[in-house]
């Protein structure tokens, strides 16, 4: 389970790395809130990660399928 103690440090690191940008917006339901949006560099990093993930997933799927063959 992901907690605030995990999520906000990660978002902070992404902001420091220039992968997300933030904006404070007023809220009618309490204090101002920070909104996050991917930057162009963040979108490129996401595409690269997805490509790596698909390759990794394919390798794991291949191993798992080998284990189920008679």
Protein backbone atom coordinates (compact mmCIF):
# COMPACT_ATOMS: atom_id res chain seq x y z
CA UNK A 1 0.00 0.00 0.00
CA UNK A 2 1.27 3.47 -0.87
CA UNK A 3 1.11 6.05 1.90
CA UNK A 4 1.57 9.81 2.03
CA UNK A 5 5.02 9.14 3.50
CA UNK A 6 5.89 7.39 0.24
CA UNK A 7 3.98 9.47 -2.29
CA UNK A 8 4.99 13.02 -1.40
CA UNK A 9 8.76 12.38 -1.23
CA UNK A 10 8.47 10.71 -4.66
CA UNK A 11 6.54 13.68 -6.08
CA UNK A 12 9.12 16.04 -4.57
CA UNK A 13 11.95 14.12 -6.24
CA UNK A 14 10.13 14.16 -9.59
CA UNK A 15 9.73 17.94 -9.22
CA UNK A 16 13.42 18.43 -8.38
CA UNK A 17 14.35 16.30 -11.41
CA UNK A 18 12.18 18.47 -13.68
CA UNK A 19 9.78 15.64 -14.54
CA UNK A 20 6.71 17.32 -13.03
CA UNK A 21 5.74 20.92 -12.46
CA UNK A 22 3.52 22.08 -9.65
CA UNK A 23 1.02 24.82 -9.11
CA UNK A 24 -0.70 25.97 -5.95
CA UNK A 25 -4.43 26.56 -6.33
CA UNK A 26 -6.90 27.99 -3.87
CA UNK A 27 -9.48 25.54 -2.55
CA UNK A 28 -13.00 26.25 -1.40
CA UNK A 29 -12.72 23.27 0.97
CA UNK A 30 -9.65 24.28 2.99
CA UNK A 31 -6.08 25.38 2.43
CA UNK A 32 -4.54 25.82 -1.04
CA UNK A 33 -3.63 22.59 -2.78
CA UNK A 34 -0.66 21.67 -4.92
CA UNK A 35 -1.42 20.24 -8.35
CA UNK A 36 1.11 18.22 -10.33
CA UNK A 37 1.54 17.95 -14.10
CA UNK A 38 4.10 16.11 -16.21
CA UNK A 39 6.58 18.32 -18.03
CA UNK A 40 7.71 17.56 -21.60
CA UNK A 41 10.79 15.88 -20.09
CA UNK A 42 8.50 13.93 -17.77
CA UNK A 43 6.44 12.68 -20.70
CA UNK A 44 9.63 11.54 -22.47
CA UNK A 45 10.76 9.76 -19.29
CA UNK A 46 7.36 8.06 -19.01
CA UNK A 47 7.57 6.79 -22.59
CA UNK A 48 11.09 5.47 -21.96
CA UNK A 49 9.96 3.77 -18.74
CA UNK A 50 6.98 2.17 -20.49
CA UNK A 51 9.26 0.80 -23.20
CA UNK A 52 11.66 -0.64 -20.62
CA UNK A 53 8.74 -2.06 -18.65
CA UNK A 54 7.27 -3.79 -21.70
CA UNK A 55 10.64 -5.40 -22.44
CA UNK A 56 11.03 -6.51 -18.81
CA UNK A 57 7.47 -7.80 -18.69
CA UNK A 58 8.02 -9.77 -21.89
CA UNK A 59 11.10 -11.41 -20.40
CA UNK A 60 9.26 -12.33 -17.19
CA UNK A 61 6.25 -13.64 -19.14
CA UNK A 62 8.62 -15.82 -21.19
CA UNK A 63 10.16 -17.29 -18.05
CA UNK A 64 6.76 -17.94 -16.50
CA UNK A 65 5.44 -19.59 -19.67
CA UNK A 66 8.49 -21.85 -19.80
CA UNK A 67 7.69 -22.98 -16.27
CA UNK A 68 4.18 -24.10 -17.24
CA UNK A 69 5.14 -26.23 -20.27
CA UNK A 70 5.02 -30.01 -19.72
